[in-house]
């Protein structure tokens, strides 16, 4: 199963290419290329029941808000036989509970940082005030706490939460700080979709890890990878080699690519079709049937799969459909085939749910009403529009209540994606053409295929703050952490870009 050899090497980026300037040990580049593909199909021993994260407990406060207590701490987890793995978790040793709330609810958090270094919690995909966003400006020191509070104000969707400390996000996620955040609403609850948490509505936080001989996480970048860590073992909800006992004909899987850099092209080993019912921002107007769904880090999707009594089926990540420039793809997981989870159907299956003909609302932003058009070009490992992240620089301000069109492109051969805080965006076009089916719902994170131009429409509403910014960045966390990120503020009528902590200069 192991593929990458322990050779001494040095890499330099040359535009979209890679130059190998020193290579020691046995073998040749041709051998390394042929050996760089990882294939675990049929080789995973699905011996562990899939762990289902508990639903986070809450209690009302005098104001009526529902309060969740979250403690970030170090721990140890028995992931493999032998020594326990040193991990980080939230209200536990590894990963965090699933937070669930309903549109219109006032929610509050008491977050305590029990680590020996600073961190934060960012609510990925959530529409909320910048001061509650949990980005790098809301970092908690060791022993510190944070008490954000806001009203849920968006449609039902599968979101997630993870740290966002500047320069250390990837390391903190890799150690185990992540969890799912499910938003419900009355419209979604009225649909006949599978909805029993952990039974026919299953969270699946898919992540990759490398282990050393002592069962500890190896956090070094993978050989010749331009993306950082590419783990050779896959966990789902923190479980290695998971299986899930199916008791219903239809099962809803809430897929989250929670990896720091790896892309997954989800499908089943037998190529059975499934229905995509929701993307990052919520339910699609109608389901789309497919047998492949590619998700880059940070993206989520909800799919519904049908099972027959007594059968088994394996969820697999197939080689990438798009997104890489050869020969870089081979060294960045593009050709990998990875078994994810086995589903074991009971001899009798309940059949009380269905996929309705109509579900969510289609994105409806009008690009002709755009108040501003902006362009973003991602290149190398650390730059957007030729600049790296500066915590003291606000790159631009947008006006509350307006729609903007952003044209985003990947200017080189590396894999990048693009995530915007606070908003869900509409993909207007890809290289001038109508976006593919999987990109026609609301999105907050999108993979950028090299040399293609993605036109996105975004509406900025409800919350303004001239001083505290939201982020936009590549969600390949090795890239984000080395500077592929920028900042914007949402301005009210008559407001101008203000000051963030530290020296500030603004662009735009």
Protein backbone atom coordinates (compact mmCIF):
# COMPACT_ATOMS: atom_id res chain seq x y z
CA UNK A 1 0.00 0.00 0.00
CA UNK A 2 2.91 2.34 0.62
CA UNK A 3 4.13 4.21 -2.41
CA UNK A 4 6.34 7.21 -1.73
CA UNK A 5 9.99 6.40 -1.15
CA UNK A 6 12.13 8.06 1.48
CA UNK A 7 14.49 9.83 -0.89
CA UNK A 8 16.28 13.11 -0.38
CA UNK A 9 14.87 15.70 -2.69
CA UNK A 10 14.56 19.41 -3.29
CA UNK A 11 11.81 21.12 -5.22
CA UNK A 12 11.52 24.49 -6.83
CA UNK A 13 8.38 25.85 -8.43
CA UNK A 14 8.86 26.86 -12.05
CA UNK A 15 5.64 28.56 -13.17
CA UNK A 16 3.18 25.69 -13.26
CA UNK A 17 5.89 23.06 -13.29
CA UNK A 18 8.24 21.41 -10.86
CA UNK A 19 11.99 21.21 -11.09
CA UNK A 20 13.79 18.41 -9.30
CA UNK A 21 17.23 19.80 -8.60
CA UNK A 22 18.58 17.10 -6.35
CA UNK A 23 17.55 13.49 -6.01
CA UNK A 24 19.38 10.78 -4.13
CA UNK A 25 18.77 7.08 -3.69
CA UNK A 26 17.74 4.28 -6.00
CA UNK A 27 15.47 4.63 -8.97
CA UNK A 28 14.74 7.13 -11.68
CA UNK A 29 12.07 9.72 -12.33
CA UNK A 30 10.27 7.22 -14.54
CA UNK A 31 10.24 4.70 -11.71
CA UNK A 32 9.11 7.34 -9.22
CA UNK A 33 6.29 8.36 -11.53
CA UNK A 34 5.03 4.83 -11.98
CA UNK A 35 5.32 4.19 -8.23
CA UNK A 36 3.50 7.38 -7.23
CA UNK A 37 -0.03 6.01 -7.64
CA UNK A 38 -1.77 4.75 -4.51
CA UNK A 39 -4.41 2.05 -4.98
CA UNK A 40 -6.20 0.62 -1.93
CA UNK A 41 -9.19 -0.77 -3.85
CA UNK A 42 -10.07 -4.16 -2.40
CA UNK A 43 -7.23 -3.93 0.11
CA UNK A 44 -8.94 -2.20 3.06
CA UNK A 45 -10.10 -4.43 5.90
CA UNK A 46 -13.41 -2.84 6.83
CA UNK A 47 -13.31 -4.05 10.43
CA UNK A 48 -14.49 -1.03 12.42
CA UNK A 49 -18.06 0.26 12.75
CA UNK A 50 -18.33 3.82 11.46
CA UNK A 51 -18.18 6.24 14.36
CA UNK A 52 -21.08 8.71 14.35
CA UNK A 53 -20.17 12.02 16.02
CA UNK A 54 -22.55 12.77 18.90
CA UNK A 55 -24.90 15.71 18.59
CA UNK A 56 -23.58 18.62 20.64
CA UNK A 57 -25.55 19.30 23.80
CA UNK A 58 -26.94 22.75 24.49
CA UNK A 59 -28.92 24.62 27.11
CA UNK A 60 -30.95 27.84 26.99
CA UNK A 61 -29.66 30.99 28.61
CA UNK A 62 -31.91 33.70 30.13
CA UNK A 63 -32.09 35.55 26.82
CA UNK A 64 -33.47 32.48 25.08
CA UNK A 65 -30.32 31.74 23.10
CA UNK A 66 -29.23 28.11 22.86
CA UNK A 67 -25.73 27.81 24.34
CA UNK A 68 -23.16 25.21 23.29
CA UNK A 69 -20.06 24.63 25.39
CA UNK A 70 -17.00 23.60 23.39
CA UNK A 71 -13.64 22.67 24.89
CA UNK A 72 -10.62 22.33 22.61
CA UNK A 73 -8.06 19.97 24.10
CA UNK A 74 -5.29 17.46 23.47
CA UNK A 75 -5.96 13.76 23.90
CA UNK A 76 -5.13 10.30 22.65
CA UNK A 77 -7.15 8.02 20.39
CA UNK A 78 -6.90 4.30 19.65
CA UNK A 79 -6.93 4.54 15.87
CA UNK A 80 -4.76 1.47 15.26
CA UNK A 81 -3.60 -1.54 17.29
CA UNK A 82 -0.74 -0.63 19.61
CA UNK A 83 0.07 2.78 21.00
CA UNK A 84 -2.69 5.36 21.01
CA UNK A 85 -2.32 8.27 18.59
CA UNK A 86 -1.84 11.72 20.09
CA UNK A 87 -4.76 13.78 18.81
CA UNK A 88 -6.66 17.00 19.37
CA UNK A 89 -10.40 17.21 19.72
CA UNK A 90 -13.38 19.30 20.71
CA UNK A 91 -15.38 17.92 23.67
CA UNK A 92 -13.44 14.71 23.13
CA UNK A 93 -10.06 13.38 22.10
CA UNK A 94 -10.48 13.50 18.31
CA UNK A 95 -12.69 15.67 16.08
CA UNK A 96 -15.80 17.34 17.53
CA UNK A 97 -19.53 16.83 18.01
CA UNK A 98 -22.04 17.63 15.31
CA UNK A 99 -23.65 20.98 16.02
CA UNK A 100 -27.27 21.17 14.88
CA UNK A 101 -29.44 24.28 14.84
CA UNK A 102 -32.44 25.63 12.98
CA UNK A 103 -32.90 28.72 10.87
CA UNK A 104 -34.17 31.57 13.03
CA UNK A 105 -32.61 30.23 16.25
CA UNK A 106 -30.36 32.41 18.36
CA UNK A 107 -27.29 30.36 19.20
CA UNK A 108 -24.30 31.10 21.42
CA UNK A 109 -21.03 29.34 22.13
CA UNK A 110 -18.67 29.23 25.06
CA UNK A 111 -15.42 28.04 23.49
CA UNK A 112 -12.42 27.26 25.73
CA UNK A 113 -8.91 26.72 24.39
CA UNK A 114 -7.29 24.01 26.48
CA UNK A 115 -4.29 23.65 24.18
CA UNK A 116 -0.83 24.99 24.89
CA UNK A 117 -0.97 27.23 21.81
CA UNK A 118 -3.44 29.67 20.31
CA UNK A 119 -6.21 28.56 17.96
CA UNK A 120 -9.64 29.59 16.73
CA UNK A 121 -12.91 28.09 15.51
CA UNK A 122 -14.26 29.20 12.14
CA UNK A 123 -17.83 28.35 11.10
CA UNK A 124 -17.20 27.34 7.49
CA UNK A 125 -20.16 28.22 5.23
CA UNK A 126 -22.02 30.25 7.86
CA UNK A 127 -23.58 33.64 7.14
CA UNK A 128 -22.80 35.73 10.24
CA UNK A 129 -21.16 38.95 11.49
CA UNK A 130 -17.41 39.18 10.91
CA UNK A 131 -16.70 39.39 14.65
CA UNK A 132 -18.31 35.95 15.05
CA UNK A 133 -16.60 34.37 12.03
CA UNK A 134 -13.67 32.81 13.90
CA UNK A 135 -11.00 33.78 11.43
CA UNK A 136 -7.39 34.66 12.25
CA UNK A 137 -8.46 37.88 14.01
CA UNK A 138 -10.43 35.90 16.63
CA UNK A 139 -7.64 33.63 17.86
CA UNK A 140 -7.85 32.43 21.47
CA UNK A 141 -4.67 32.25 23.50
CA UNK A 142 -3.94 29.12 25.58
CA UNK A 143 -6.42 29.07 28.44
CA UNK A 144 -8.52 31.71 26.70
CA UNK A 145 -12.15 31.61 25.70
CA UNK A 146 -14.47 33.07 23.07
CA UNK A 147 -18.22 33.66 23.25
CA UNK A 148 -19.71 34.28 19.78
CA UNK A 149 -23.48 34.60 19.40
CA UNK A 150 -25.70 35.09 16.35
CA UNK A 151 -29.05 34.18 14.80
CA UNK A 152 -29.01 31.43 12.17
CA UNK A 153 -30.04 33.19 8.98
CA UNK A 154 -29.68 30.83 6.02
CA UNK A 155 -31.36 27.79 4.46
CA UNK A 156 -30.82 24.22 5.61
CA UNK A 157 -27.31 23.05 4.71
CA UNK A 158 -24.35 20.90 5.71
CA UNK A 159 -21.61 23.19 7.05
CA UNK A 160 -18.57 22.47 9.20
CA UNK A 161 -16.27 24.10 11.73
CA UNK A 162 -12.48 24.07 12.05
CA UNK A 163 -9.61 26.25 13.30
CA UNK A 164 -8.33 29.23 11.33
CA UNK A 165 -5.17 30.53 13.09
CA UNK A 166 -2.93 32.36 10.66
CA UNK A 167 -0.20 30.09 9.31
CA UNK A 168 -1.25 27.05 11.39
CA UNK A 169 -4.69 26.07 10.11
CA UNK A 170 -3.46 22.95 8.32
CA UNK A 171 -1.57 21.64 11.34
CA UNK A 172 -4.55 22.15 13.65
CA UNK A 173 -7.03 20.45 11.31
CA UNK A 174 -4.61 17.57 10.77
CA UNK A 175 -4.27 17.01 14.51
CA UNK A 176 -8.05 16.57 14.70
CA UNK A 177 -9.90 19.87 15.15
CA UNK A 178 -12.97 19.65 12.92
CA UNK A 179 -16.67 18.93 13.17
CA UNK A 180 -19.90 19.11 11.20
CA UNK A 181 -22.50 21.87 11.59
CA UNK A 182 -25.97 21.02 10.27
CA UNK A 183 -28.51 23.79 9.69
CA UNK A 184 -32.18 22.80 9.44
CA UNK A 185 -35.24 24.78 8.38
CA UNK A 186 -38.98 24.19 8.19
CA UNK A 187 -38.93 23.64 4.44
CA UNK A 188 -36.31 20.89 4.58
CA UNK A 189 -37.97 19.21 7.56
CA UNK A 190 -41.22 18.92 5.61
CA UNK A 191 -39.57 16.92 2.80
CA UNK A 192 -39.68 13.10 2.70
CA UNK A 193 -35.87 12.84 2.48
CA UNK A 194 -33.95 10.52 4.84
CA UNK A 195 -33.53 12.52 8.04
CA UNK A 196 -32.81 10.28 11.07
CA UNK A 197 -29.34 11.27 12.20
CA UNK A 198 -26.90 8.39 12.23
CA UNK A 199 -29.46 5.94 10.81
CA UNK A 200 -30.43 7.02 7.30
CA UNK A 201 -28.91 10.53 7.47
CA UNK A 202 -25.19 9.92 7.97
CA UNK A 203 -22.40 12.47 8.52
CA UNK A 204 -19.17 11.50 6.75
CA UNK A 205 -16.09 13.60 7.54
CA UNK A 206 -13.56 12.14 5.10
CA UNK A 207 -9.89 12.80 5.91
CA UNK A 208 -6.53 11.25 5.10
CA UNK A 209 -3.64 10.61 7.47
CA UNK A 210 -0.09 9.27 7.44
CA UNK A 211 1.21 7.35 10.45
CA UNK A 212 4.74 6.63 11.64
CA UNK A 213 5.83 3.28 13.09
CA UNK A 214 4.60 4.34 16.52
CA UNK A 215 1.03 5.14 15.32
CA UNK A 216 1.59 8.91 15.48
CA UNK A 217 0.48 11.31 12.76
CA UNK A 218 3.21 12.15 10.26
CA UNK A 219 2.74 15.73 9.21
CA UNK A 220 5.48 16.21 6.62
CA UNK A 221 4.60 17.05 3.04
CA UNK A 222 4.30 14.06 0.75
CA UNK A 223 7.04 13.28 -1.75
CA UNK A 224 6.98 15.69 -4.74
CA UNK A 225 3.55 16.98 -3.69
CA UNK A 226 2.76 20.61 -4.42
CA UNK A 227 -0.20 20.43 -2.01
CA UNK A 228 1.42 19.31 1.24
CA UNK A 229 0.24 16.20 3.07
CA UNK A 230 -1.35 13.37 1.10
CA UNK A 231 -2.30 10.71 3.61
CA UNK A 232 -2.17 7.06 2.59
CA UNK A 233 -4.88 5.94 5.03
CA UNK A 234 -8.44 7.27 5.02
CA UNK A 235 -10.57 7.98 8.07
CA UNK A 236 -14.29 8.70 8.14
CA UNK A 237 -15.46 10.48 11.30
CA UNK A 238 -12.09 9.46 12.76
CA UNK A 239 -12.60 5.74 11.97
CA UNK A 240 -10.08 3.75 9.93
CA UNK A 241 -11.51 0.96 7.77
CA UNK A 242 -15.14 1.83 8.58
CA UNK A 243 -18.29 -0.10 7.76
CA UNK A 244 -21.86 1.11 8.17
CA UNK A 245 -24.90 -1.12 8.79
CA UNK A 246 -27.67 -0.06 6.42
CA UNK A 247 -31.23 -0.51 7.68
CA UNK A 248 -33.16 1.58 5.13
CA UNK A 249 -33.45 1.43 1.34
CA UNK A 250 -32.42 5.07 0.92
CA UNK A 251 -29.48 6.54 2.82
CA UNK A 252 -28.47 10.19 2.82
CA UNK A 253 -24.72 10.75 3.08
CA UNK A 254 -23.47 14.19 4.14
CA UNK A 255 -20.02 14.14 2.52
CA UNK A 256 -17.39 16.57 3.80
CA UNK A 257 -13.91 16.69 2.34
CA UNK A 258 -12.21 17.53 5.63
CA UNK A 259 -8.69 16.82 4.37
CA UNK A 260 -5.98 19.44 4.38
CA UNK A 261 -5.04 18.92 0.72
CA UNK A 262 -6.42 15.74 -0.84
CA UNK A 263 -9.13 15.76 -3.50
CA UNK A 264 -11.74 12.97 -3.58
CA UNK A 265 -13.75 11.79 -6.57
CA UNK A 266 -16.54 9.94 -4.81
CA UNK A 267 -18.35 7.02 -6.40
CA UNK A 268 -19.11 3.42 -5.62
CA UNK A 269 -16.96 0.43 -6.54
CA UNK A 270 -19.84 -1.00 -8.62
CA UNK A 271 -20.49 2.39 -10.27
CA UNK A 272 -24.06 2.49 -8.99
CA UNK A 273 -25.81 5.83 -9.51
CA UNK A 274 -26.69 8.14 -6.65
CA UNK A 275 -28.55 11.44 -6.39
CA UNK A 276 -26.86 14.72 -5.55
CA UNK A 277 -29.43 16.63 -3.50
CA UNK A 278 -27.39 19.44 -1.93
CA UNK A 279 -24.15 21.37 -2.33
CA UNK A 280 -22.30 23.65 0.10
CA UNK A 281 -25.14 26.11 0.60
CA UNK A 282 -28.10 23.75 0.74
CA UNK A 283 -30.63 21.73 -1.21
CA UNK A 284 -30.76 21.83 -4.99
CA UNK A 285 -34.07 22.61 -6.73
CA UNK A 286 -34.08 19.06 -8.11
CA UNK A 287 -31.83 16.06 -7.59
CA UNK A 288 -29.11 15.22 -10.12
CA UNK A 289 -28.28 11.59 -10.77
CA UNK A 290 -24.61 10.72 -11.29
CA UNK A 291 -22.02 8.10 -10.35
CA UNK A 292 -19.11 10.47 -9.64
CA UNK A 293 -18.78 13.55 -7.46
CA UNK A 294 -15.48 15.34 -7.08
CA UNK A 295 -14.93 17.42 -3.93
CA UNK A 296 -11.87 19.50 -3.11
CA UNK A 297 -10.89 20.32 0.50
CA UNK A 298 -13.64 22.18 2.34
CA UNK A 299 -16.45 21.28 -0.07
CA UNK A 300 -19.58 19.45 1.09
CA UNK A 301 -22.32 17.58 -0.72
CA UNK A 302 -25.38 15.57 0.26
CA UNK A 303 -26.12 12.47 -1.77
CA UNK A 304 -28.87 9.83 -1.52
CA UNK A 305 -27.95 6.23 -2.30
CA UNK A 306 -30.31 3.28 -2.77
CA UNK A 307 -29.43 -0.16 -1.39
CA UNK A 308 -30.88 -3.64 -1.92
CA UNK A 309 -31.48 -6.07 0.97
CA UNK A 310 -28.45 -8.13 1.93
CA UNK A 311 -25.94 -6.45 -0.37
CA UNK A 312 -22.64 -4.77 0.37
CA UNK A 313 -21.28 -1.73 -1.44
CA UNK A 314 -18.02 0.18 -1.11
CA UNK A 315 -17.75 3.96 -1.35
CA UNK A 316 -14.54 4.74 -3.19
CA UNK A 317 -12.52 7.73 -4.33
CA UNK A 318 -11.75 7.24 -8.00
CA UNK A 319 -9.00 8.95 -10.02
CA UNK A 320 -9.71 12.65 -10.54
CA UNK A 321 -11.89 13.68 -13.47
CA UNK A 322 -10.22 17.06 -13.78
CA UNK A 323 -8.09 19.61 -11.99
CA UNK A 324 -4.47 18.63 -12.60
CA UNK A 325 -1.76 19.29 -15.14
CA UNK A 326 0.36 16.24 -16.00
CA UNK A 327 2.76 15.06 -14.68
CA UNK A 328 2.00 16.94 -11.44
CA UNK A 329 -1.26 15.12 -10.91
CA UNK A 330 0.33 11.74 -10.29
CA UNK A 331 2.36 13.14 -7.37
CA UNK A 332 -0.67 14.93 -5.94
CA UNK A 333 -3.11 12.05 -5.76
CA UNK A 334 -4.89 12.57 -9.08
CA UNK A 335 -4.52 8.92 -10.09
CA UNK A 336 -5.14 7.42 -6.64
CA UNK A 337 -7.96 4.95 -6.05
CA UNK A 338 -9.00 4.76 -2.42
CA UNK A 339 -11.60 2.65 -0.65
CA UNK A 340 -13.48 4.84 1.84
CA UNK A 341 -16.29 2.94 3.60
CA UNK A 342 -18.24 -0.30 3.24
CA UNK A 343 -22.02 -0.32 3.48
CA UNK A 344 -23.69 -3.55 4.66
CA UNK A 345 -27.41 -3.75 3.99
CA UNK A 346 -29.67 -5.76 6.29
CA UNK A 347 -31.83 -8.54 4.92
CA UNK A 348 -34.89 -6.34 5.42
CA UNK A 349 -34.80 -2.61 4.72
CA UNK A 350 -37.30 0.04 5.78
CA UNK A 351 -38.63 2.01 2.83
CA UNK A 352 -40.35 5.12 4.14
CA UNK A 353 -38.42 7.96 2.48
CA UNK A 354 -38.10 9.35 -1.03
CA UNK A 355 -36.46 12.06 -3.10
CA UNK A 356 -39.05 14.72 -3.89
CA UNK A 357 -39.28 16.32 -7.32
CA UNK A 358 -38.84 19.80 -5.82
CA UNK A 359 -36.47 20.63 -2.94
CA UNK A 360 -34.47 23.84 -2.59
CA UNK A 361 -34.30 27.16 -4.39
CA UNK A 362 -32.07 27.78 -7.39
CA UNK A 363 -29.46 30.55 -7.16
CA UNK A 364 -31.02 33.64 -8.70
CA UNK A 365 -28.47 36.46 -8.61
CA UNK A 366 -28.55 38.82 -11.59
CA UNK A 367 -25.03 39.64 -12.85
CA UNK A 368 -26.39 42.65 -14.74
CA UNK A 369 -27.04 44.26 -11.36
CA UNK A 370 -23.45 43.84 -10.19
CA UNK A 371 -22.14 46.90 -8.38
CA UNK A 372 -18.54 45.80 -8.97
CA UNK A 373 -16.55 43.21 -10.89
CA UNK A 374 -13.27 41.89 -9.51
CA UNK A 375 -10.63 39.43 -10.72
CA UNK A 376 -8.60 36.99 -8.62
CA UNK A 377 -5.68 34.99 -9.96
CA UNK A 378 -4.20 32.25 -7.75
CA UNK A 379 -0.61 31.26 -8.43
CA UNK A 380 2.24 29.35 -6.87
CA UNK A 381 1.84 28.38 -3.23
CA UNK A 382 1.17 31.73 -1.62
CA UNK A 383 -0.21 34.44 -3.87
CA UNK A 384 -3.53 35.88 -5.02
CA UNK A 385 -3.14 38.67 -7.58
CA UNK A 386 0.60 38.62 -6.94
CA UNK A 387 0.34 39.29 -3.21
CA UNK A 388 0.57 37.16 -0.10
CA UNK A 389 -1.64 37.50 2.95
CA UNK A 390 -0.96 40.38 5.34
CA UNK A 391 -3.09 40.40 8.50
CA UNK A 392 -2.81 44.17 8.61
CA UNK A 393 -3.97 44.79 5.03
CA UNK A 394 -7.60 44.96 3.99
CA UNK A 395 -7.63 44.28 0.27
CA UNK A 396 -10.98 45.90 -0.52
CA UNK A 397 -14.41 46.77 0.80
CA UNK A 398 -17.79 45.73 -0.57
CA UNK A 399 -21.11 47.48 -0.01
CA UNK A 400 -23.81 45.79 2.02
CA UNK A 401 -26.89 45.04 -0.04
CA UNK A 402 -25.03 44.79 -3.34
CA UNK A 403 -24.19 41.99 -5.74
CA UNK A 404 -20.67 41.64 -7.13
CA UNK A 405 -19.21 39.39 -9.82
CA UNK A 406 -15.83 37.86 -9.14
CA UNK A 407 -13.80 36.17 -11.86
CA UNK A 408 -11.48 33.63 -10.27
CA UNK A 409 -8.77 31.64 -12.05
CA UNK A 410 -5.97 29.21 -11.36
CA UNK A 411 -3.01 30.68 -13.19
CA UNK A 412 -0.65 27.70 -12.94
CA UNK A 413 -0.60 23.90 -13.00
CA UNK A 414 -0.97 23.36 -9.26
CA UNK A 415 -4.29 22.43 -7.72
CA UNK A 416 -6.10 25.31 -6.06
CA UNK A 417 -9.60 25.99 -4.88
CA UNK A 418 -11.36 29.13 -3.64
CA UNK A 419 -13.39 29.69 -0.47
CA UNK A 420 -15.17 32.89 0.54
CA UNK A 421 -16.29 33.55 4.12
CA UNK A 422 -19.81 34.76 5.03
CA UNK A 423 -21.49 34.26 1.64
CA UNK A 424 -22.77 31.50 -0.60
CA UNK A 425 -22.08 32.28 -4.24
CA UNK A 426 -23.64 31.39 -7.57
CA UNK A 427 -21.40 29.96 -10.28
CA UNK A 428 -22.41 31.95 -13.37
CA UNK A 429 -20.10 30.31 -15.88
CA UNK A 430 -16.94 28.27 -16.35
CA UNK A 431 -14.83 29.54 -19.25
CA UNK A 432 -17.92 31.26 -20.62
CA UNK A 433 -20.04 28.11 -20.61
CA UNK A 434 -22.89 27.11 -18.31
CA UNK A 435 -21.47 25.46 -15.18
CA UNK A 436 -21.70 21.67 -14.85
CA UNK A 437 -24.61 20.23 -12.88
CA UNK A 438 -22.58 19.77 -9.70
CA UNK A 439 -21.84 23.52 -9.58
CA UNK A 440 -25.37 24.82 -10.12
CA UNK A 441 -26.34 25.08 -6.48
CA UNK A 442 -25.17 27.53 -3.83
CA UNK A 443 -21.43 27.18 -3.15
CA UNK A 444 -18.87 28.67 -0.79
CA UNK A 445 -15.88 26.60 -1.96
CA UNK A 446 -15.00 25.68 -5.53
CA UNK A 447 -12.18 23.76 -7.18
CA UNK A 448 -10.27 25.77 -9.77
CA UNK A 449 -9.20 23.74 -12.79
CA UNK A 450 -5.96 25.24 -14.18
CA UNK A 451 -6.38 27.97 -16.78
CA UNK A 452 -10.18 28.11 -16.53
CA UNK A 453 -12.09 31.23 -15.53
CA UNK A 454 -14.92 30.93 -13.02
CA UNK A 455 -17.41 33.77 -12.80
CA UNK A 456 -19.10 33.93 -9.41
CA UNK A 457 -21.97 36.13 -8.26
CA UNK A 458 -22.04 37.07 -4.58
CA UNK A 459 -24.57 39.07 -2.57
CA UNK A 460 -23.33 40.81 0.60
CA UNK A 461 -26.17 41.29 3.05
CA UNK A 462 -27.15 41.95 6.65
CA UNK A 463 -23.82 42.46 8.43
CA UNK A 464 -21.35 45.33 8.18
CA UNK A 465 -18.07 46.07 9.90
CA UNK A 466 -15.45 48.46 8.49
CA UNK A 467 -12.74 47.09 10.80
CA UNK A 468 -13.07 43.33 11.03
CA UNK A 469 -12.61 41.49 7.73
CA UNK A 470 -13.78 38.24 6.21
CA UNK A 471 -11.32 35.99 4.36
CA UNK A 472 -11.12 34.60 0.84
CA UNK A 473 -8.48 31.96 0.22
CA UNK A 474 -7.35 28.69 -1.26
CA UNK A 475 -8.58 25.83 0.95
CA UNK A 476 -5.53 23.71 0.17
CA UNK A 477 -4.36 24.46 3.69
CA UNK A 478 -0.64 24.33 2.88
CA UNK A 479 -1.32 27.14 0.41
CA UNK A 480 -3.55 29.12 2.77
CA UNK A 481 -0.98 28.87 5.54
CA UNK A 482 1.82 30.18 3.32
CA UNK A 483 -0.17 33.23 2.25
CA UNK A 484 -2.76 32.39 -0.43
CA UNK A 485 -5.42 34.44 1.30
CA UNK A 486 -6.87 37.93 1.30
CA UNK A 487 -9.29 40.05 3.36
CA UNK A 488 -12.35 42.15 2.65
CA UNK A 489 -14.82 44.12 4.75
CA UNK A 490 -18.52 44.72 4.23
CA UNK A 491 -19.34 48.42 4.48
CA UNK A 492 -22.58 50.13 5.39
CA UNK A 493 -23.84 53.32 3.79
CA UNK A 494 -21.20 56.02 4.15
CA UNK A 495 -18.66 53.74 5.83
CA UNK A 496 -15.03 53.52 4.74
CA UNK A 497 -12.42 50.83 5.30
CA UNK A 498 -11.24 51.09 8.88
CA UNK A 499 -8.43 49.64 10.93
CA UNK A 500 -7.59 46.04 11.78
CA UNK A 501 -5.10 45.18 14.53
CA UNK A 502 -1.61 46.18 13.43
CA UNK A 503 -0.53 48.43 10.55
CA UNK A 504 -3.12 48.57 7.78
CA UNK A 505 -3.00 49.58 4.16
CA UNK A 506 -5.89 48.97 1.82
CA UNK A 507 -6.23 48.15 -1.84
CA UNK A 508 -9.24 49.01 -3.96
